[in-house]
Protein backbone atom coordinates (compact mmCIF):
# COMPACT_ATOMS: atom_id res chain seq x y z
CA UNK A 1 0.00 0.00 0.00
CA UNK A 2 1.47 3.36 -1.03
CA UNK A 3 1.54 6.51 1.04
CA UNK A 4 -1.21 7.91 -1.19
CA UNK A 5 -3.36 4.86 -0.48
CA UNK A 6 -2.69 5.30 3.23
CA UNK A 7 -3.66 8.97 3.06
CA UNK A 8 -6.86 8.15 1.18
CA UNK A 9 -7.74 5.43 3.68
CA UNK A 10 -7.18 7.87 6.55
CA UNK A 11 -9.33 10.48 4.85
CA UNK A 12 -12.07 7.91 4.23
CA UNK A 13 -11.99 7.03 7.92
CA UNK A 14 -12.40 10.67 8.91
CA UNK A 15 -15.27 11.04 6.46
CA UNK A 16 -16.94 7.96 7.97
CA UNK A 17 -16.79 9.72 11.34
CA UNK A 18 -18.38 12.80 9.79
CA UNK A 19 -21.15 10.65 8.32
CA UNK A 20 -21.85 9.28 11.79
CA UNK A 21 -22.00 12.81 13.20
CA UNK A 22 -24.41 13.84 10.46
CA UNK A 23 -26.59 10.83 11.28
CA UNK A 24 -26.73 11.93 14.92
CA UNK A 25 -27.64 15.46 13.86
CA UNK A 26 -30.42 14.19 11.59
CA UNK A 27 -31.87 12.12 14.42
CA UNK A 28 -31.80 15.16 16.71
CA UNK A 29 -33.60 17.23 14.07
CA UNK A 30 -36.25 14.54 13.72
CA UNK A 31 -36.72 14.49 17.48
CA UNK A 32 -37.23 18.25 17.47
CA UNK A 33 -39.70 17.95 14.60
CA UNK A 34 -41.79 15.34 16.41
CA UNK A 35 -41.60 16.71 19.94
CA UNK A 36 -44.29 19.35 19.57
CA UNK A 37 -47.07 20.41 17.27
CA UNK A 38 -46.46 18.68 13.93
CA UNK A 39 -48.01 21.63 12.10
CA UNK A 40 -45.80 24.26 13.73
CA UNK A 41 -43.20 26.31 11.91
CA UNK A 42 -40.52 24.82 14.17
CA UNK A 43 -41.45 21.28 13.14
CA UNK A 44 -41.35 22.24 9.47
CA UNK A 45 -37.99 23.92 9.89
CA UNK A 46 -36.57 20.92 11.77
CA UNK A 47 -37.73 18.59 8.99
CA UNK A 48 -36.14 20.82 6.36
CA UNK A 49 -32.87 20.79 8.33
CA UNK A 50 -33.06 17.00 8.64
CA UNK A 51 -33.46 16.65 4.86
CA UNK A 52 -30.41 18.86 4.26
CA UNK A 53 -28.36 16.86 6.74
CA UNK A 54 -29.39 13.55 5.14
CA UNK A 55 -28.40 14.86 1.69
CA UNK A 56 -25.01 15.92 3.08
CA UNK A 57 -24.55 12.53 4.78
CA UNK A 58 -25.26 10.72 1.52
CA UNK A 59 -22.71 12.89 -0.28
CA UNK A 60 -20.10 12.11 2.39
CA UNK A 61 -20.90 8.39 2.14
CA UNK A 62 -20.49 8.59 -1.63
CA UNK A 63 -17.08 10.20 -1.13
CA UNK A 64 -16.09 7.38 1.22
CA UNK A 65 -17.19 4.87 -1.40
CA UNK A 66 -15.22 6.62 -4.16
CA UNK A 67 -12.10 6.76 -1.99
CA UNK A 68 -12.47 3.05 -1.23
CA UNK A 69 -12.73 2.02 -4.89
CA UNK A 70 -8.98 1.67 -5.27
CA UNK A 71 -8.83 -0.64 -2.26
CA UNK A 72 -11.36 -3.05 -3.72
CA UNK A 73 -13.95 -1.88 -1.24
CA UNK A 74 -17.07 0.12 -1.16
CA UNK A 75 -18.47 2.17 1.66
CA UNK A 76 -16.31 0.56 4.32
CA UNK A 77 -19.16 -0.61 6.51
CA UNK A 78 -21.45 2.37 6.16
CA UNK A 79 -25.09 1.56 5.69
CA UNK A 80 -27.05 2.90 2.76
CA UNK A 81 -29.11 5.20 4.97
CA UNK A 82 -32.83 5.31 5.01
C-alpha atoms as a PDB file:
ATOM      1  CA  UNK A   1       0.000   0.000   0.000  1.00  0.00           C
ATOM      2  CA  UNK A   2       1.473   3.360  -1.026  1.00  0.00           C
ATOM      3  CA  UNK A   3       1.541   6.506   1.039  1.00  0.00           C
ATOM      4  CA  UNK A   4      -1.209   7.910  -1.190  1.00  0.00           C
ATOM      5  CA  UNK A   5      -3.358   4.860  -0.476  1.00  0.00           C
ATOM      6  CA  UNK A   6      -2.693   5.296   3.232  1.00  0.00           C
ATOM      7  CA  UNK A   7      -3.661   8.966   3.063  1.00  0.00           C
ATOM      8  CA  UNK A   8      -6.864   8.151   1.185  1.00  0.00           C
ATOM      9  CA  UNK A   9      -7.741   5.428   3.680  1.00  0.00           C
ATOM     10  CA  UNK A  10      -7.182   7.868   6.548  1.00  0.00           C
ATOM     11  CA  UNK A  11      -9.332  10.479   4.846  1.00  0.00           C
ATOM     12  CA  UNK A  12     -12.074   7.905   4.228  1.00  0.00           C
ATOM     13  CA  UNK A  13     -11.989   7.034   7.923  1.00  0.00           C
ATOM     14  CA  UNK A  14     -12.397  10.673   8.915  1.00  0.00           C
ATOM     15  CA  UNK A  15     -15.275  11.036   6.457  1.00  0.00           C
ATOM     16  CA  UNK A  16     -16.936   7.964   7.973  1.00  0.00           C
ATOM     17  CA  UNK A  17     -16.789   9.724  11.340  1.00  0.00           C
ATOM     18  CA  UNK A  18     -18.381  12.798   9.795  1.00  0.00           C
ATOM     19  CA  UNK A  19     -21.153  10.651   8.317  1.00  0.00           C
ATOM     20  CA  UNK A  20     -21.854   9.280  11.791  1.00  0.00           C
ATOM     21  CA  UNK A  21     -21.999  12.814  13.203  1.00  0.00           C
ATOM     22  CA  UNK A  22     -24.412  13.840  10.462  1.00  0.00           C
ATOM     23  CA  UNK A  23     -26.593  10.831  11.279  1.00  0.00           C
ATOM     24  CA  UNK A  24     -26.734  11.931  14.918  1.00  0.00           C
ATOM     25  CA  UNK A  25     -27.635  15.459  13.864  1.00  0.00           C
ATOM     26  CA  UNK A  26     -30.416  14.190  11.591  1.00  0.00           C
ATOM     27  CA  UNK A  27     -31.865  12.117  14.418  1.00  0.00           C
ATOM     28  CA  UNK A  28     -31.796  15.156  16.713  1.00  0.00           C
ATOM     29  CA  UNK A  29     -33.596  17.228  14.065  1.00  0.00           C
ATOM     30  CA  UNK A  30     -36.254  14.536  13.718  1.00  0.00           C
ATOM     31  CA  UNK A  31     -36.720  14.486  17.483  1.00  0.00           C
ATOM     32  CA  UNK A  32     -37.227  18.249  17.467  1.00  0.00           C
ATOM     33  CA  UNK A  33     -39.697  17.950  14.600  1.00  0.00           C
ATOM     34  CA  UNK A  34     -41.785  15.343  16.409  1.00  0.00           C
ATOM     35  CA  UNK A  35     -41.603  16.710  19.938  1.00  0.00           C
ATOM     36  CA  UNK A  36     -44.289  19.347  19.575  1.00  0.00           C
ATOM     37  CA  UNK A  37     -47.070  20.411  17.274  1.00  0.00           C
ATOM     38  CA  UNK A  38     -46.457  18.683  13.933  1.00  0.00           C
ATOM     39  CA  UNK A  39     -48.012  21.631  12.098  1.00  0.00           C
ATOM     40  CA  UNK A  40     -45.802  24.261  13.734  1.00  0.00           C
ATOM     41  CA  UNK A  41     -43.199  26.307  11.912  1.00  0.00           C
ATOM     42  CA  UNK A  42     -40.521  24.823  14.175  1.00  0.00           C
ATOM     43  CA  UNK A  43     -41.451  21.285  13.135  1.00  0.00           C
ATOM     44  CA  UNK A  44     -41.349  22.237   9.469  1.00  0.00           C
ATOM     45  CA  UNK A  45     -37.988  23.922   9.892  1.00  0.00           C
ATOM     46  CA  UNK A  46     -36.574  20.919  11.771  1.00  0.00           C
ATOM     47  CA  UNK A  47     -37.733  18.586   8.986  1.00  0.00           C
ATOM     48  CA  UNK A  48     -36.139  20.816   6.361  1.00  0.00           C
ATOM     49  CA  UNK A  49     -32.874  20.795   8.331  1.00  0.00           C
ATOM     50  CA  UNK A  50     -33.065  17.002   8.644  1.00  0.00           C
ATOM     51  CA  UNK A  51     -33.462  16.650   4.865  1.00  0.00           C
ATOM     52  CA  UNK A  52     -30.410  18.860   4.257  1.00  0.00           C
ATOM     53  CA  UNK A  53     -28.364  16.859   6.739  1.00  0.00           C
ATOM     54  CA  UNK A  54     -29.386  13.555   5.137  1.00  0.00           C
ATOM     55  CA  UNK A  55     -28.404  14.863   1.694  1.00  0.00           C
ATOM     56  CA  UNK A  56     -25.015  15.918   3.078  1.00  0.00           C
ATOM     57  CA  UNK A  57     -24.546  12.532   4.777  1.00  0.00           C
ATOM     58  CA  UNK A  58     -25.260  10.721   1.519  1.00  0.00           C
ATOM     59  CA  UNK A  59     -22.714  12.889  -0.278  1.00  0.00           C
ATOM     60  CA  UNK A  60     -20.102  12.115   2.386  1.00  0.00           C
ATOM     61  CA  UNK A  61     -20.901   8.390   2.136  1.00  0.00           C
ATOM     62  CA  UNK A  62     -20.489   8.591  -1.628  1.00  0.00           C
ATOM     63  CA  UNK A  63     -17.078  10.205  -1.135  1.00  0.00           C
ATOM     64  CA  UNK A  64     -16.095   7.380   1.223  1.00  0.00           C
ATOM     65  CA  UNK A  65     -17.188   4.873  -1.400  1.00  0.00           C
ATOM     66  CA  UNK A  66     -15.225   6.620  -4.156  1.00  0.00           C
ATOM     67  CA  UNK A  67     -12.102   6.761  -1.993  1.00  0.00           C
ATOM     68  CA  UNK A  68     -12.473   3.050  -1.231  1.00  0.00           C
ATOM     69  CA  UNK A  69     -12.732   2.016  -4.886  1.00  0.00           C
ATOM     70  CA  UNK A  70      -8.985   1.674  -5.275  1.00  0.00           C
ATOM     71  CA  UNK A  71      -8.831  -0.642  -2.263  1.00  0.00           C
ATOM     72  CA  UNK A  72     -11.355  -3.054  -3.724  1.00  0.00           C
ATOM     73  CA  UNK A  73     -13.949  -1.878  -1.241  1.00  0.00           C
ATOM     74  CA  UNK A  74     -17.070   0.120  -1.160  1.00  0.00           C
ATOM     75  CA  UNK A  75     -18.470   2.168   1.656  1.00  0.00           C
ATOM     76  CA  UNK A  76     -16.314   0.563   4.320  1.00  0.00           C
ATOM     77  CA  UNK A  77     -19.158  -0.608   6.507  1.00  0.00           C
ATOM     78  CA  UNK A  78     -21.453   2.370   6.158  1.00  0.00           C
ATOM     79  CA  UNK A  79     -25.093   1.555   5.692  1.00  0.00           C
ATOM     80  CA  UNK A  80     -27.045   2.901   2.755  1.00  0.00           C
ATOM     81  CA  UNK A  81     -29.105   5.200   4.973  1.00  0.00           C
ATOM     82  CA  UNK A  82     -32.831   5.313   5.014  1.00  0.00           C
END
